Amino acid sequence: MSTEQTTPAGGFFYKLTRKLDAPAVKAWRAWTTPEQYAQWAYAAAGSVEMDVRPGGAWKAMTVTPDGGRFPLTGSYLEVVENRLLVIGMDVPGKPAPAVMTMELDEQDDHHTQIVLRQTCDTAEDRDMAEQGSTMLLDSLNAFLADGARD
């Protein structure tokens, strides 16, 4: 996995890159199918709703390792099937959503490179978002390696 952090003029940025042992279509389904997403993304079963299209909404109830629960909501800003999701994440108290970009680049029939990018307002927000995204990628990789359902 590679990690990159910078401080561009507009905020604090991270980029995570990882090679997945799965074709892009399986990684896409894991990220865009509520039942599969709940299995690897720390979401409570039955809490995930997704309308995967530009302008479509999503929501999930995240469960932390210590049992805490907090709701996540947002919308899809850009969708290119099996390639790209630009996801707006609602942030309480802020007028504009946080934006995360997820890109898939299929290397061959069995491997896909995934890249997550996000710009945050502060270094602390970036570090927290990067830590959460790292946990998501670890969990996604394990889910796909365990033979995610087609």
Protein backbone atom coordinates (compact mmCIF):
# COMPACT_ATOMS: atom_id res chain seq x y z
CA MET A 1 0.00 0.00 0.00
CA SER A 2 1.25 3.47 -0.72
CA THR A 3 0.25 6.62 1.11
CA GLU A 4 0.71 10.23 0.11
CA GLN A 5 -0.06 13.33 2.17
CA THR A 6 0.22 16.91 0.99
CA THR A 7 -1.07 20.31 1.97
CA PRO A 8 -2.50 21.87 -1.19
CA ALA A 9 -3.77 25.44 -1.25
CA GLY A 10 -7.35 24.22 -0.64
CA GLY A 11 -6.71 22.02 2.38
CA PHE A 12 -5.01 18.90 3.66
CA PHE A 13 -4.90 15.96 1.24
CA TYR A 14 -4.29 12.24 1.43
CA LYS A 15 -4.11 9.55 -1.22
CA LEU A 16 -4.12 5.81 -0.45
CA THR A 17 -3.28 3.24 -3.11
CA ARG A 18 -3.70 -0.49 -2.70
CA LYS A 19 -3.67 -3.55 -4.97
CA LEU A 20 -6.74 -5.75 -4.48
CA ASP A 21 -6.80 -9.45 -5.31
CA ALA A 22 -10.06 -9.19 -7.23
CA PRO A 23 -11.32 -7.91 -10.57
CA ALA A 24 -12.74 -4.39 -10.63
CA VAL A 25 -16.32 -5.64 -10.97
CA LYS A 26 -16.07 -7.48 -7.61
CA ALA A 27 -14.53 -4.46 -5.88
CA TRP A 28 -17.24 -2.25 -7.38
CA ARG A 29 -20.02 -4.56 -6.16
CA ALA A 30 -18.50 -4.65 -2.69
CA TRP A 31 -18.53 -0.84 -2.59
CA THR A 32 -21.97 -0.30 -4.20
CA THR A 33 -24.17 -3.18 -2.98
CA PRO A 34 -25.71 -2.51 0.45
CA GLU A 35 -25.51 -6.13 1.65
CA GLN A 36 -21.86 -6.49 0.67
CA TYR A 37 -20.88 -3.01 1.88
CA ALA A 38 -22.32 -3.74 5.35
CA GLN A 39 -20.15 -6.86 5.61
CA TRP A 40 -16.81 -5.06 5.29
CA ALA A 41 -17.41 -1.35 6.00
CA TYR A 42 -18.27 -1.55 9.72
CA ALA A 43 -21.95 -0.87 9.01
CA ALA A 44 -24.84 -2.33 10.99
CA ALA A 45 -26.68 -5.01 9.02
CA GLY A 46 -29.77 -3.59 7.32
CA SER A 47 -28.67 0.04 7.82
CA VAL A 48 -27.12 0.63 4.39
CA GLU A 49 -29.12 2.30 1.65
CA MET A 50 -27.58 3.24 -1.70
CA ASP A 51 -28.91 4.94 -4.81
CA VAL A 52 -25.71 4.68 -6.85
CA ARG A 53 -26.15 7.37 -9.49
CA PRO A 54 -25.10 11.01 -9.71
CA GLY A 55 -27.26 12.86 -7.17
CA GLY A 56 -28.35 9.61 -5.51
CA ALA A 57 -28.27 9.39 -1.72
CA TRP A 58 -26.57 6.88 0.56
CA LYS A 59 -26.66 6.21 4.29
CA ALA A 60 -25.26 3.72 6.78
CA MET A 61 -25.07 3.28 10.54
CA THR A 62 -21.41 2.74 11.39
CA VAL A 63 -20.51 0.59 14.39
CA THR A 64 -17.16 1.34 16.02
CA PRO A 65 -14.98 -1.41 17.54
CA ASP A 66 -16.06 -0.28 21.03
CA GLY A 67 -19.76 -0.61 20.10
CA GLY A 68 -20.46 3.05 19.43
CA ARG A 69 -22.88 3.81 16.62
CA PHE A 70 -23.03 6.87 14.41
CA PRO A 71 -24.97 7.61 11.25
CA LEU A 72 -23.31 8.49 7.96
CA THR A 73 -25.17 10.13 5.08
CA GLY A 74 -24.31 11.68 1.78
CA SER A 75 -24.73 11.55 -1.97
CA TYR A 76 -22.96 10.35 -5.07
CA LEU A 77 -21.48 13.23 -7.04
CA GLU A 78 -20.00 11.23 -9.93
CA VAL A 79 -20.43 7.58 -10.90
CA VAL A 80 -18.60 5.63 -13.62
CA GLU A 81 -19.48 1.95 -13.17
CA ASN A 82 -16.56 -0.30 -12.24
CA ARG A 83 -14.18 2.72 -12.35
CA LEU A 84 -15.05 5.78 -10.26
CA LEU A 85 -17.16 6.98 -7.34
CA VAL A 86 -17.03 10.56 -6.12
CA ILE A 87 -18.82 10.49 -2.80
CA GLY A 88 -20.13 13.47 -0.84
CA MET A 89 -20.23 12.82 2.91
CA ASP A 90 -22.41 15.06 5.07
CA VAL A 91 -20.51 16.70 7.93
CA PRO A 92 -22.58 18.07 10.82
CA GLY A 93 -22.17 21.83 11.14
CA LYS A 94 -20.59 22.29 7.71
CA PRO A 95 -22.50 23.61 4.69
CA ALA A 96 -20.61 21.55 2.10
CA PRO A 97 -20.01 17.80 2.16
CA ALA A 98 -16.58 16.24 2.53
CA VAL A 99 -15.66 14.64 -0.79
CA MET A 100 -13.88 11.31 -1.22
CA THR A 101 -12.87 9.88 -4.59
CA MET A 102 -12.58 6.13 -5.09
CA GLU A 103 -10.98 4.96 -8.34
CA LEU A 104 -10.59 1.40 -9.60
CA ASP A 105 -8.02 0.44 -12.25
CA GLU A 106 -8.21 -3.21 -13.28
CA GLN A 107 -4.68 -4.54 -13.75
CA ASP A 108 -5.71 -7.97 -15.10
CA ASP A 109 -8.57 -10.46 -14.55
CA HIS A 110 -7.60 -10.99 -10.91
CA HIS A 111 -6.10 -7.70 -9.64
CA THR A 112 -7.34 -4.15 -9.33
CA GLN A 113 -5.62 -1.04 -8.06
CA ILE A 114 -7.84 1.07 -5.82
CA VAL A 115 -7.06 4.70 -5.02
CA LEU A 116 -8.84 6.74 -2.34
CA ARG A 117 -8.35 10.52 -2.23
CA GLN A 118 -9.75 13.15 0.08
CA THR A 119 -9.05 16.79 0.90
CA CYS A 120 -9.88 17.98 4.42
CA ASP A 121 -9.98 21.38 6.12
CA THR A 122 -7.41 20.59 8.82
CA ALA A 123 -4.47 18.24 9.32
CA GLU A 124 -6.40 16.59 12.17
CA ASP A 125 -9.45 15.96 9.96
CA ARG A 126 -7.16 14.57 7.25
CA ASP A 127 -5.39 12.25 9.69
CA MET A 128 -8.71 10.94 11.05
CA ALA A 129 -10.15 10.46 7.56
CA GLU A 130 -6.98 8.74 6.38
CA GLN A 131 -7.03 6.39 9.37
CA GLY A 132 -10.68 5.51 8.66
CA SER A 133 -9.98 4.98 4.96
CA THR A 134 -6.99 2.76 5.77
CA MET A 135 -9.24 0.61 7.98
CA LEU A 136 -11.82 0.44 5.17
CA LEU A 137 -9.21 -0.67 2.63
CA ASP A 138 -7.86 -3.31 5.01
CA SER A 139 -11.36 -4.64 5.57
CA LEU A 140 -12.29 -4.49 1.87
CA ASN A 141 -9.14 -6.40 0.93
CA ALA A 142 -9.90 -9.10 3.53
CA PHE A 143 -13.54 -9.31 2.35
CA LEU A 144 -12.50 -9.75 -1.29
CA ALA A 145 -9.78 -12.27 -0.36
CA ASP A 146 -12.39 -14.33 1.51
CA GLY A 147 -14.30 -14.76 -1.76
CA ALA A 148 -16.93 -12.00 -1.77
CA ARG A 149 -20.14 -13.20 -3.36
CA ASP A 150 -20.60 -12.44 -7.04
